[in-house]
N, C-alpha and C. Protein backbone atom coordinates (compact mmCIF):
# COMPACT_ATOMS: atom_id res chain seq x y z
N MET A 1 -13.11 -3.44 -25.60
CA MET A 1 -13.57 -3.76 -24.29
C MET A 1 -12.32 -3.84 -23.38
N ALA A 2 -12.54 -3.78 -22.11
CA ALA A 2 -11.45 -3.67 -21.17
C ALA A 2 -11.02 -4.98 -20.60
N ALA A 3 -11.10 -6.04 -21.34
CA ALA A 3 -10.69 -7.34 -20.82
C ALA A 3 -9.32 -7.72 -21.41
N SER A 4 -8.58 -8.45 -20.57
CA SER A 4 -7.32 -8.90 -21.04
C SER A 4 -7.39 -10.41 -21.22
N HIS A 5 -6.95 -10.93 -22.33
CA HIS A 5 -6.94 -12.36 -22.48
C HIS A 5 -6.01 -12.78 -23.62
N THR A 6 -5.32 -13.91 -23.36
CA THR A 6 -4.53 -14.52 -24.38
C THR A 6 -4.45 -16.00 -23.99
N SER A 7 -4.75 -16.88 -24.94
CA SER A 7 -4.67 -18.28 -24.65
C SER A 7 -4.86 -19.04 -25.97
N SER A 8 -4.12 -20.12 -26.14
CA SER A 8 -4.25 -20.92 -27.36
C SER A 8 -5.05 -22.19 -27.14
N SER A 9 -5.17 -22.64 -25.90
CA SER A 9 -5.87 -23.86 -25.59
C SER A 9 -7.32 -23.52 -25.21
N PRO A 10 -8.22 -24.49 -25.33
CA PRO A 10 -9.61 -24.26 -24.91
C PRO A 10 -9.65 -23.91 -23.45
N THR A 11 -10.46 -22.90 -23.10
CA THR A 11 -10.58 -22.48 -21.71
C THR A 11 -11.93 -22.83 -21.17
N HIS A 12 -12.10 -22.62 -19.92
CA HIS A 12 -13.38 -22.91 -19.22
C HIS A 12 -14.55 -22.22 -19.87
N HIS A 13 -14.33 -20.94 -20.25
CA HIS A 13 -15.41 -20.18 -20.83
C HIS A 13 -15.91 -20.76 -22.18
N GLN A 14 -15.05 -21.35 -22.91
CA GLN A 14 -15.44 -21.94 -24.16
C GLN A 14 -16.29 -23.17 -23.92
N LEU A 15 -16.04 -23.88 -22.88
CA LEU A 15 -16.89 -25.02 -22.54
C LEU A 15 -18.26 -24.63 -22.04
N LEU A 16 -18.34 -23.54 -21.36
CA LEU A 16 -19.60 -23.08 -20.74
C LEU A 16 -20.27 -21.94 -21.53
N GLN A 17 -19.72 -21.56 -22.69
CA GLN A 17 -20.33 -20.55 -23.53
C GLN A 17 -20.45 -19.21 -22.90
N SER A 18 -19.50 -18.82 -22.05
CA SER A 18 -19.46 -17.51 -21.49
C SER A 18 -18.29 -16.78 -22.08
N LYS A 19 -18.34 -15.45 -22.03
CA LYS A 19 -17.27 -14.65 -22.66
C LYS A 19 -16.02 -14.66 -21.76
N TYR A 20 -16.23 -14.69 -20.43
CA TYR A 20 -15.13 -14.65 -19.46
C TYR A 20 -15.19 -15.76 -18.50
N ASP A 21 -14.04 -16.26 -18.11
CA ASP A 21 -13.97 -17.23 -17.02
C ASP A 21 -14.21 -16.56 -15.68
N VAL A 22 -13.56 -15.38 -15.54
CA VAL A 22 -13.54 -14.68 -14.23
C VAL A 22 -13.73 -13.21 -14.38
N PHE A 23 -14.54 -12.61 -13.52
CA PHE A 23 -14.70 -11.17 -13.43
C PHE A 23 -14.08 -10.75 -12.11
N LEU A 24 -13.15 -9.77 -12.20
CA LEU A 24 -12.48 -9.29 -10.97
C LEU A 24 -13.14 -8.01 -10.51
N SER A 25 -13.59 -8.01 -9.26
CA SER A 25 -14.20 -6.80 -8.67
C SER A 25 -13.26 -6.32 -7.55
N PHE A 26 -12.94 -5.06 -7.62
CA PHE A 26 -11.96 -4.53 -6.67
C PHE A 26 -12.05 -3.00 -6.61
N ARG A 27 -11.50 -2.45 -5.56
CA ARG A 27 -11.39 -0.97 -5.41
C ARG A 27 -10.03 -0.60 -5.90
N GLY A 28 -9.97 0.11 -7.01
CA GLY A 28 -8.72 0.42 -7.66
C GLY A 28 -7.68 1.08 -6.80
N GLU A 29 -8.07 2.02 -5.99
CA GLU A 29 -7.09 2.73 -5.18
C GLU A 29 -6.45 1.84 -4.15
N ASP A 30 -7.11 0.72 -3.76
CA ASP A 30 -6.55 -0.15 -2.74
C ASP A 30 -5.69 -1.25 -3.36
N THR A 31 -6.11 -1.83 -4.51
CA THR A 31 -5.46 -3.04 -4.94
C THR A 31 -5.08 -3.09 -6.42
N ARG A 32 -5.45 -2.10 -7.19
CA ARG A 32 -5.18 -2.18 -8.66
C ARG A 32 -3.72 -2.43 -8.98
N ASN A 33 -2.83 -1.68 -8.41
CA ASN A 33 -1.39 -1.79 -8.75
C ASN A 33 -0.59 -2.77 -7.93
N ASN A 34 -1.26 -3.63 -7.24
CA ASN A 34 -0.54 -4.67 -6.49
C ASN A 34 -1.31 -5.98 -6.57
N PHE A 35 -2.12 -6.35 -5.63
CA PHE A 35 -2.75 -7.67 -5.62
C PHE A 35 -3.55 -7.92 -6.86
N THR A 36 -4.43 -7.03 -7.26
CA THR A 36 -5.29 -7.28 -8.41
C THR A 36 -4.48 -7.44 -9.72
N ASP A 37 -3.51 -6.62 -9.94
CA ASP A 37 -2.68 -6.78 -11.14
C ASP A 37 -1.95 -8.12 -11.15
N HIS A 38 -1.42 -8.54 -10.01
CA HIS A 38 -0.72 -9.81 -9.92
C HIS A 38 -1.66 -10.99 -10.11
N LEU A 39 -2.86 -10.91 -9.51
CA LEU A 39 -3.86 -11.97 -9.65
C LEU A 39 -4.31 -12.04 -11.15
N HIS A 40 -4.60 -10.92 -11.74
CA HIS A 40 -5.01 -10.86 -13.16
C HIS A 40 -3.96 -11.48 -14.06
N ALA A 41 -2.72 -11.12 -13.87
CA ALA A 41 -1.62 -11.66 -14.67
C ALA A 41 -1.50 -13.19 -14.46
N ALA A 42 -1.64 -13.67 -13.25
CA ALA A 42 -1.56 -15.09 -12.97
C ALA A 42 -2.70 -15.87 -13.63
N LEU A 43 -3.91 -15.31 -13.58
CA LEU A 43 -5.04 -15.93 -14.26
C LEU A 43 -4.81 -16.06 -15.74
N ILE A 44 -4.35 -14.98 -16.37
CA ILE A 44 -4.09 -14.95 -17.84
C ILE A 44 -2.98 -16.02 -18.16
N ARG A 45 -1.91 -16.02 -17.39
CA ARG A 45 -0.82 -16.96 -17.62
C ARG A 45 -1.30 -18.43 -17.54
N ASN A 46 -2.33 -18.64 -16.76
CA ASN A 46 -2.83 -20.00 -16.57
C ASN A 46 -4.05 -20.30 -17.46
N GLY A 47 -4.25 -19.50 -18.49
CA GLY A 47 -5.26 -19.80 -19.48
C GLY A 47 -6.66 -19.33 -19.20
N PHE A 48 -6.87 -18.53 -18.16
CA PHE A 48 -8.19 -18.01 -17.88
C PHE A 48 -8.40 -16.72 -18.67
N ILE A 49 -9.63 -16.52 -19.08
CA ILE A 49 -9.97 -15.23 -19.66
C ILE A 49 -10.63 -14.40 -18.54
N ALA A 50 -9.92 -13.38 -18.07
CA ALA A 50 -10.35 -12.60 -16.94
C ALA A 50 -10.71 -11.18 -17.31
N PHE A 51 -11.80 -10.67 -16.84
CA PHE A 51 -12.16 -9.29 -17.09
C PHE A 51 -11.73 -8.44 -15.88
N LYS A 52 -10.96 -7.44 -16.17
CA LYS A 52 -10.51 -6.51 -15.16
C LYS A 52 -10.76 -5.12 -15.75
N ASP A 53 -11.62 -4.36 -15.12
CA ASP A 53 -11.92 -3.04 -15.73
C ASP A 53 -10.67 -2.17 -15.72
N ASP A 54 -10.63 -1.32 -16.70
CA ASP A 54 -9.49 -0.36 -16.75
C ASP A 54 -10.02 1.01 -16.42
N GLU A 55 -9.15 1.89 -16.31
CA GLU A 55 -9.54 3.23 -15.87
C GLU A 55 -10.23 4.07 -16.94
N THR A 56 -10.45 3.51 -18.15
CA THR A 56 -11.10 4.26 -19.21
C THR A 56 -12.61 4.03 -19.22
N LEU A 57 -13.08 3.08 -18.42
CA LEU A 57 -14.54 2.89 -18.38
C LEU A 57 -15.19 4.13 -17.83
N GLU A 58 -16.28 4.52 -18.43
CA GLU A 58 -16.98 5.73 -18.01
C GLU A 58 -17.60 5.50 -16.64
N ARG A 59 -17.33 6.44 -15.72
CA ARG A 59 -17.81 6.37 -14.39
C ARG A 59 -19.12 7.19 -14.30
N GLY A 60 -19.99 6.72 -13.47
CA GLY A 60 -21.24 7.42 -13.28
C GLY A 60 -21.83 7.06 -11.96
N ASN A 61 -23.15 7.31 -11.80
CA ASN A 61 -23.82 7.02 -10.55
C ASN A 61 -24.08 5.50 -10.42
N GLU A 62 -24.18 4.83 -11.57
CA GLU A 62 -24.43 3.40 -11.55
C GLU A 62 -23.41 2.71 -12.50
N ILE A 63 -23.26 1.42 -12.30
CA ILE A 63 -22.29 0.75 -13.18
C ILE A 63 -22.74 0.82 -14.62
N SER A 64 -21.77 0.87 -15.49
CA SER A 64 -22.07 1.02 -16.92
C SER A 64 -22.66 -0.28 -17.47
N SER A 65 -23.32 -0.16 -18.60
CA SER A 65 -23.88 -1.33 -19.23
C SER A 65 -22.79 -2.33 -19.65
N GLU A 66 -21.58 -1.77 -20.00
CA GLU A 66 -20.49 -2.61 -20.42
C GLU A 66 -20.05 -3.48 -19.24
N LEU A 67 -19.93 -2.89 -18.06
CA LEU A 67 -19.48 -3.63 -16.85
C LEU A 67 -20.58 -4.63 -16.45
N SER A 68 -21.81 -4.21 -16.49
CA SER A 68 -22.90 -5.11 -16.14
C SER A 68 -22.94 -6.33 -17.05
N LYS A 69 -22.72 -6.11 -18.34
CA LYS A 69 -22.70 -7.20 -19.32
C LYS A 69 -21.50 -8.13 -19.03
N ALA A 70 -20.36 -7.58 -18.72
CA ALA A 70 -19.18 -8.40 -18.41
C ALA A 70 -19.44 -9.30 -17.19
N ILE A 71 -20.15 -8.77 -16.19
CA ILE A 71 -20.50 -9.60 -15.03
C ILE A 71 -21.41 -10.73 -15.43
N GLU A 72 -22.41 -10.41 -16.22
CA GLU A 72 -23.36 -11.41 -16.69
C GLU A 72 -22.70 -12.48 -17.56
N GLU A 73 -21.64 -12.10 -18.27
CA GLU A 73 -20.97 -13.02 -19.23
C GLU A 73 -19.77 -13.74 -18.61
N SER A 74 -19.70 -13.75 -17.29
CA SER A 74 -18.58 -14.40 -16.61
C SER A 74 -19.11 -15.66 -15.87
N ASN A 75 -18.24 -16.67 -15.85
CA ASN A 75 -18.60 -17.88 -15.12
C ASN A 75 -18.34 -17.75 -13.63
N ALA A 76 -17.49 -16.88 -13.25
CA ALA A 76 -17.18 -16.73 -11.83
C ALA A 76 -16.74 -15.26 -11.57
N SER A 77 -16.81 -14.86 -10.31
CA SER A 77 -16.31 -13.59 -9.92
C SER A 77 -15.41 -13.74 -8.70
N ILE A 78 -14.37 -12.94 -8.68
CA ILE A 78 -13.48 -12.84 -7.50
C ILE A 78 -13.66 -11.39 -7.00
N VAL A 79 -14.20 -11.28 -5.80
CA VAL A 79 -14.41 -9.96 -5.20
C VAL A 79 -13.32 -9.72 -4.23
N ILE A 80 -12.52 -8.69 -4.43
CA ILE A 80 -11.39 -8.38 -3.55
C ILE A 80 -11.88 -7.27 -2.60
N LEU A 81 -12.30 -7.66 -1.42
CA LEU A 81 -12.85 -6.74 -0.42
C LEU A 81 -11.67 -6.10 0.34
N SER A 82 -11.58 -4.83 0.22
CA SER A 82 -10.45 -4.05 0.88
C SER A 82 -11.02 -2.92 1.67
N LYS A 83 -10.12 -2.22 2.32
CA LYS A 83 -10.49 -1.14 3.24
C LYS A 83 -11.47 -0.10 2.62
N ASN A 84 -11.23 0.29 1.39
CA ASN A 84 -12.09 1.34 0.75
C ASN A 84 -13.08 0.79 -0.22
N TYR A 85 -13.29 -0.50 -0.31
CA TYR A 85 -14.22 -1.12 -1.27
C TYR A 85 -15.64 -0.53 -1.06
N ALA A 86 -16.08 -0.54 0.19
CA ALA A 86 -17.44 -0.07 0.45
C ALA A 86 -17.60 1.43 0.30
N SER A 87 -16.52 2.21 0.23
CA SER A 87 -16.66 3.64 0.05
C SER A 87 -16.97 4.05 -1.31
N SER A 88 -17.10 3.08 -2.20
CA SER A 88 -17.42 3.36 -3.61
C SER A 88 -18.83 2.80 -3.95
N PRO A 89 -19.82 3.65 -4.17
CA PRO A 89 -21.10 3.18 -4.62
C PRO A 89 -21.02 2.34 -5.93
N TRP A 90 -20.03 2.72 -6.77
CA TRP A 90 -19.78 1.97 -7.97
C TRP A 90 -19.43 0.53 -7.63
N CYS A 91 -18.49 0.29 -6.74
CA CYS A 91 -18.12 -1.06 -6.30
C CYS A 91 -19.33 -1.80 -5.71
N LEU A 92 -20.15 -1.12 -4.90
CA LEU A 92 -21.28 -1.74 -4.28
C LEU A 92 -22.32 -2.12 -5.26
N ASP A 93 -22.58 -1.30 -6.31
CA ASP A 93 -23.50 -1.66 -7.36
C ASP A 93 -22.99 -2.87 -8.13
N GLU A 94 -21.68 -2.90 -8.38
CA GLU A 94 -21.03 -4.03 -9.03
C GLU A 94 -21.25 -5.29 -8.21
N LEU A 95 -21.00 -5.20 -6.90
CA LEU A 95 -21.16 -6.31 -6.00
C LEU A 95 -22.60 -6.84 -6.01
N ALA A 96 -23.55 -5.88 -5.98
CA ALA A 96 -24.97 -6.30 -6.00
C ALA A 96 -25.32 -7.00 -7.29
N LYS A 97 -24.74 -6.58 -8.39
CA LYS A 97 -24.97 -7.26 -9.69
C LYS A 97 -24.34 -8.63 -9.68
N ILE A 98 -23.16 -8.78 -9.11
CA ILE A 98 -22.51 -10.09 -9.00
C ILE A 98 -23.39 -11.03 -8.23
N VAL A 99 -23.89 -10.59 -7.11
CA VAL A 99 -24.77 -11.45 -6.25
C VAL A 99 -26.04 -11.78 -7.01
N GLU A 100 -26.63 -10.83 -7.66
CA GLU A 100 -27.84 -11.04 -8.48
C GLU A 100 -27.60 -12.13 -9.53
N CYS A 101 -26.50 -12.00 -10.23
CA CYS A 101 -26.17 -13.02 -11.26
C CYS A 101 -25.94 -14.37 -10.64
N GLY A 102 -25.30 -14.38 -9.46
CA GLY A 102 -25.04 -15.65 -8.78
C GLY A 102 -26.36 -16.32 -8.29
N ASN A 103 -27.32 -15.54 -7.98
CA ASN A 103 -28.61 -16.08 -7.56
C ASN A 103 -29.38 -16.67 -8.78
N LYS A 104 -29.18 -16.10 -9.90
CA LYS A 104 -29.85 -16.56 -11.13
C LYS A 104 -29.29 -17.84 -11.70
N ARG A 105 -27.93 -17.98 -11.54
CA ARG A 105 -27.25 -19.11 -12.10
C ARG A 105 -26.48 -19.79 -10.98
N LYS A 106 -27.02 -20.86 -10.49
CA LYS A 106 -26.43 -21.53 -9.32
C LYS A 106 -25.04 -22.07 -9.57
N ASP A 107 -24.66 -22.33 -10.85
CA ASP A 107 -23.34 -22.82 -11.14
C ASP A 107 -22.29 -21.70 -11.23
N ARG A 108 -22.73 -20.50 -11.09
CA ARG A 108 -21.82 -19.34 -11.15
C ARG A 108 -21.15 -19.14 -9.78
N LYS A 109 -19.86 -19.19 -9.77
CA LYS A 109 -19.12 -19.11 -8.49
C LYS A 109 -18.75 -17.66 -8.16
N VAL A 110 -18.78 -17.41 -6.86
CA VAL A 110 -18.36 -16.07 -6.37
C VAL A 110 -17.41 -16.33 -5.20
N PHE A 111 -16.20 -15.78 -5.35
CA PHE A 111 -15.15 -15.97 -4.35
C PHE A 111 -14.82 -14.59 -3.76
N ALA A 112 -14.55 -14.59 -2.46
CA ALA A 112 -14.18 -13.35 -1.78
C ALA A 112 -12.73 -13.45 -1.30
N VAL A 113 -11.98 -12.40 -1.49
CA VAL A 113 -10.66 -12.26 -0.97
C VAL A 113 -10.71 -11.07 0.00
N PHE A 114 -10.32 -11.27 1.26
CA PHE A 114 -10.33 -10.22 2.26
C PHE A 114 -8.92 -9.60 2.29
N TYR A 115 -8.79 -8.49 1.65
CA TYR A 115 -7.47 -7.86 1.52
C TYR A 115 -7.30 -6.79 2.60
N GLY A 116 -6.69 -7.17 3.71
CA GLY A 116 -6.42 -6.25 4.79
C GLY A 116 -7.63 -5.84 5.59
N VAL A 117 -8.73 -6.65 5.52
CA VAL A 117 -9.94 -6.39 6.26
C VAL A 117 -10.35 -7.64 6.98
N ASP A 118 -11.04 -7.47 8.07
CA ASP A 118 -11.52 -8.62 8.87
C ASP A 118 -12.84 -9.15 8.26
N PRO A 119 -12.89 -10.46 7.97
CA PRO A 119 -14.11 -11.03 7.37
C PRO A 119 -15.37 -10.76 8.26
N ALA A 120 -15.20 -10.80 9.54
CA ALA A 120 -16.37 -10.58 10.45
C ALA A 120 -16.86 -9.15 10.28
N ASP A 121 -15.95 -8.15 10.17
CA ASP A 121 -16.37 -6.77 9.97
C ASP A 121 -17.04 -6.62 8.64
N THR A 122 -16.55 -7.31 7.67
CA THR A 122 -17.16 -7.22 6.29
C THR A 122 -18.56 -7.80 6.34
N ARG A 123 -18.68 -8.96 6.93
CA ARG A 123 -19.99 -9.64 6.95
C ARG A 123 -21.08 -8.83 7.65
N THR A 124 -20.67 -8.12 8.73
CA THR A 124 -21.68 -7.37 9.55
C THR A 124 -21.65 -5.84 9.22
N GLN A 125 -20.73 -5.43 8.39
CA GLN A 125 -20.50 -4.00 8.08
C GLN A 125 -20.23 -3.22 9.36
N LYS A 126 -19.44 -3.80 10.21
CA LYS A 126 -18.99 -3.19 11.47
C LYS A 126 -17.51 -2.85 11.38
N GLY A 127 -16.97 -2.27 12.42
CA GLY A 127 -15.53 -1.90 12.36
C GLY A 127 -15.42 -0.57 11.63
N GLU A 128 -14.30 0.07 11.84
CA GLU A 128 -14.09 1.43 11.33
C GLU A 128 -14.17 1.54 9.80
N ASP A 129 -13.81 0.48 9.09
CA ASP A 129 -13.81 0.61 7.63
C ASP A 129 -15.20 0.60 7.04
N PHE A 130 -16.14 -0.06 7.67
CA PHE A 130 -17.43 -0.27 7.07
C PHE A 130 -18.60 0.45 7.78
N GLU A 131 -18.59 0.49 9.07
CA GLU A 131 -19.70 1.03 9.83
C GLU A 131 -19.95 2.52 9.46
N ARG A 132 -18.89 3.30 9.41
CA ARG A 132 -18.98 4.73 9.09
C ARG A 132 -19.52 4.93 7.68
N VAL A 133 -19.05 4.15 6.71
CA VAL A 133 -19.43 4.27 5.32
C VAL A 133 -20.89 3.97 5.16
N PHE A 134 -21.37 2.84 5.75
CA PHE A 134 -22.76 2.48 5.58
C PHE A 134 -23.71 3.45 6.31
N ALA A 135 -23.26 4.02 7.45
CA ALA A 135 -24.08 5.06 8.13
C ALA A 135 -24.20 6.24 7.23
N LYS A 136 -23.16 6.62 6.54
CA LYS A 136 -23.16 7.75 5.61
C LYS A 136 -24.15 7.48 4.47
N TYR A 137 -24.16 6.26 3.95
CA TYR A 137 -25.06 5.89 2.89
C TYR A 137 -26.52 5.94 3.33
N GLU A 138 -26.76 5.48 4.55
CA GLU A 138 -28.16 5.56 5.03
C GLU A 138 -28.62 6.96 5.12
N GLU A 139 -27.75 7.90 5.42
CA GLU A 139 -28.15 9.32 5.47
C GLU A 139 -28.25 9.85 4.02
N GLU A 140 -27.28 9.56 3.22
CA GLU A 140 -27.24 10.08 1.81
C GLU A 140 -28.37 9.54 0.96
N PHE A 141 -28.77 8.31 1.18
CA PHE A 141 -29.81 7.66 0.40
C PHE A 141 -31.11 7.47 1.17
N LYS A 142 -31.48 8.50 1.95
CA LYS A 142 -32.69 8.44 2.76
C LYS A 142 -33.93 8.08 1.88
N GLU A 143 -33.95 8.62 0.69
CA GLU A 143 -35.08 8.38 -0.20
C GLU A 143 -34.98 7.03 -0.94
N ASN A 144 -33.85 6.36 -0.79
CA ASN A 144 -33.68 5.10 -1.50
C ASN A 144 -32.99 4.05 -0.57
N GLN A 145 -33.60 3.84 0.57
CA GLN A 145 -33.06 2.89 1.54
C GLN A 145 -32.94 1.46 0.98
N GLU A 146 -33.83 1.18 -0.01
CA GLU A 146 -33.75 -0.15 -0.65
C GLU A 146 -32.38 -0.43 -1.27
N LYS A 147 -31.78 0.63 -1.83
CA LYS A 147 -30.44 0.53 -2.45
C LYS A 147 -29.42 0.13 -1.39
N VAL A 148 -29.47 0.79 -0.24
CA VAL A 148 -28.50 0.56 0.84
C VAL A 148 -28.74 -0.86 1.39
N LEU A 149 -29.96 -1.27 1.54
CA LEU A 149 -30.28 -2.61 2.01
C LEU A 149 -29.71 -3.67 1.01
N LYS A 150 -29.86 -3.39 -0.28
CA LYS A 150 -29.34 -4.28 -1.33
C LYS A 150 -27.83 -4.39 -1.22
N TRP A 151 -27.17 -3.25 -0.98
CA TRP A 151 -25.69 -3.27 -0.86
C TRP A 151 -25.29 -4.11 0.39
N ARG A 152 -25.97 -3.83 1.50
CA ARG A 152 -25.66 -4.54 2.74
C ARG A 152 -25.86 -6.06 2.54
N ALA A 153 -26.97 -6.45 1.91
CA ALA A 153 -27.24 -7.88 1.70
C ALA A 153 -26.18 -8.52 0.81
N ALA A 154 -25.75 -7.81 -0.22
CA ALA A 154 -24.73 -8.34 -1.14
C ALA A 154 -23.41 -8.45 -0.38
N PHE A 155 -23.06 -7.51 0.42
CA PHE A 155 -21.83 -7.54 1.19
C PHE A 155 -21.83 -8.73 2.13
N THR A 156 -22.94 -8.90 2.84
CA THR A 156 -23.06 -10.03 3.78
C THR A 156 -23.02 -11.35 3.03
N ARG A 157 -23.71 -11.46 1.92
CA ARG A 157 -23.75 -12.72 1.10
C ARG A 157 -22.34 -13.13 0.68
N VAL A 158 -21.62 -12.16 0.11
CA VAL A 158 -20.27 -12.49 -0.38
C VAL A 158 -19.28 -12.82 0.75
N ALA A 159 -19.45 -12.11 1.89
CA ALA A 159 -18.56 -12.33 2.99
C ALA A 159 -18.79 -13.64 3.74
N THR A 160 -19.98 -14.27 3.50
CA THR A 160 -20.28 -15.51 4.20
C THR A 160 -20.16 -16.72 3.28
N ARG A 161 -19.75 -16.49 2.03
CA ARG A 161 -19.55 -17.59 1.11
C ARG A 161 -18.48 -18.55 1.64
N GLN A 162 -18.61 -19.81 1.27
CA GLN A 162 -17.63 -20.79 1.72
C GLN A 162 -16.24 -20.58 1.06
N SER A 163 -16.21 -20.14 -0.16
CA SER A 163 -14.92 -19.96 -0.85
C SER A 163 -14.40 -18.55 -0.68
N ARG A 164 -13.51 -18.39 0.28
CA ARG A 164 -12.97 -17.05 0.57
C ARG A 164 -11.55 -17.20 1.09
N TRP A 165 -10.82 -16.14 0.84
CA TRP A 165 -9.42 -16.15 1.28
C TRP A 165 -9.07 -14.86 1.94
N MET A 166 -8.14 -14.88 2.85
CA MET A 166 -7.64 -13.68 3.44
C MET A 166 -6.24 -13.41 2.87
N ALA A 167 -6.11 -12.21 2.36
CA ALA A 167 -4.79 -11.82 1.82
C ALA A 167 -4.06 -11.07 2.92
N LEU A 168 -3.14 -11.69 3.57
CA LEU A 168 -2.39 -11.09 4.63
C LEU A 168 -1.01 -10.70 4.12
N ALA A 169 -0.37 -9.76 4.76
CA ALA A 169 0.94 -9.36 4.34
C ALA A 169 1.84 -10.57 4.23
N GLY A 170 2.57 -10.67 3.11
CA GLY A 170 3.47 -11.81 2.96
C GLY A 170 2.83 -13.03 2.37
N GLN A 171 1.53 -13.06 2.25
CA GLN A 171 0.79 -14.23 1.75
C GLN A 171 0.17 -14.01 0.38
N VAL A 172 0.37 -12.87 -0.20
CA VAL A 172 -0.27 -12.55 -1.47
C VAL A 172 0.02 -13.55 -2.55
N LEU A 173 1.25 -13.96 -2.72
CA LEU A 173 1.62 -14.89 -3.75
C LEU A 173 0.96 -16.26 -3.49
N SER A 174 0.96 -16.72 -2.27
CA SER A 174 0.38 -18.01 -1.98
C SER A 174 -1.14 -17.98 -2.19
N ILE A 175 -1.78 -16.87 -1.87
CA ILE A 175 -3.24 -16.72 -2.13
C ILE A 175 -3.49 -16.82 -3.65
N ILE A 176 -2.73 -16.10 -4.44
CA ILE A 176 -2.89 -16.09 -5.89
C ILE A 176 -2.69 -17.52 -6.46
N LEU A 177 -1.67 -18.21 -5.99
CA LEU A 177 -1.41 -19.53 -6.50
C LEU A 177 -2.52 -20.48 -6.10
N PHE A 178 -3.08 -20.31 -4.90
CA PHE A 178 -4.19 -21.13 -4.46
C PHE A 178 -5.46 -20.88 -5.30
N ILE A 179 -5.72 -19.63 -5.61
CA ILE A 179 -6.88 -19.25 -6.43
C ILE A 179 -6.81 -19.88 -7.79
N ILE A 180 -5.64 -19.81 -8.40
CA ILE A 180 -5.58 -20.32 -9.80
C ILE A 180 -5.38 -21.84 -9.90
N ALA A 181 -5.10 -22.48 -8.77
CA ALA A 181 -4.90 -23.94 -8.80
C ALA A 181 -6.13 -24.67 -9.08
């Protein structure tokens, strides 16, 4: 499986009987080799068992059963919303699954990190990064508008959560330290 973990002391997941403490959701091309890698390493160093997909997971039209199961088996998710996050139907399906799991288990936490995007634009799917992409999806998925509505609702839900952070230039380290504290 594509999870990274090392820890000798009991972790949060052992207490709550979940496989992972945290599931990281991100757009690889935007944050994999910078913010997400640093956050993942910091989580592991601090005893969290964090799932971060690797590039060997099979890509398809919908998220894999492996990824879906990892979301279900996590106590919390950190969604790193970036410029190209919404341009990936894969990421949007992942996000919808995270929100679905959060609705089923009220103790399951979902945190949003706004990495170089405006939270207001994310919440409303406006602004150049999101409006164009969702308009494209409405055209592309004419026969399945329910899917687009589900994506929009998940995006809005995560962007309006109380626990969220903005990752601004020069603040990445402080955001990571705050998240793991």
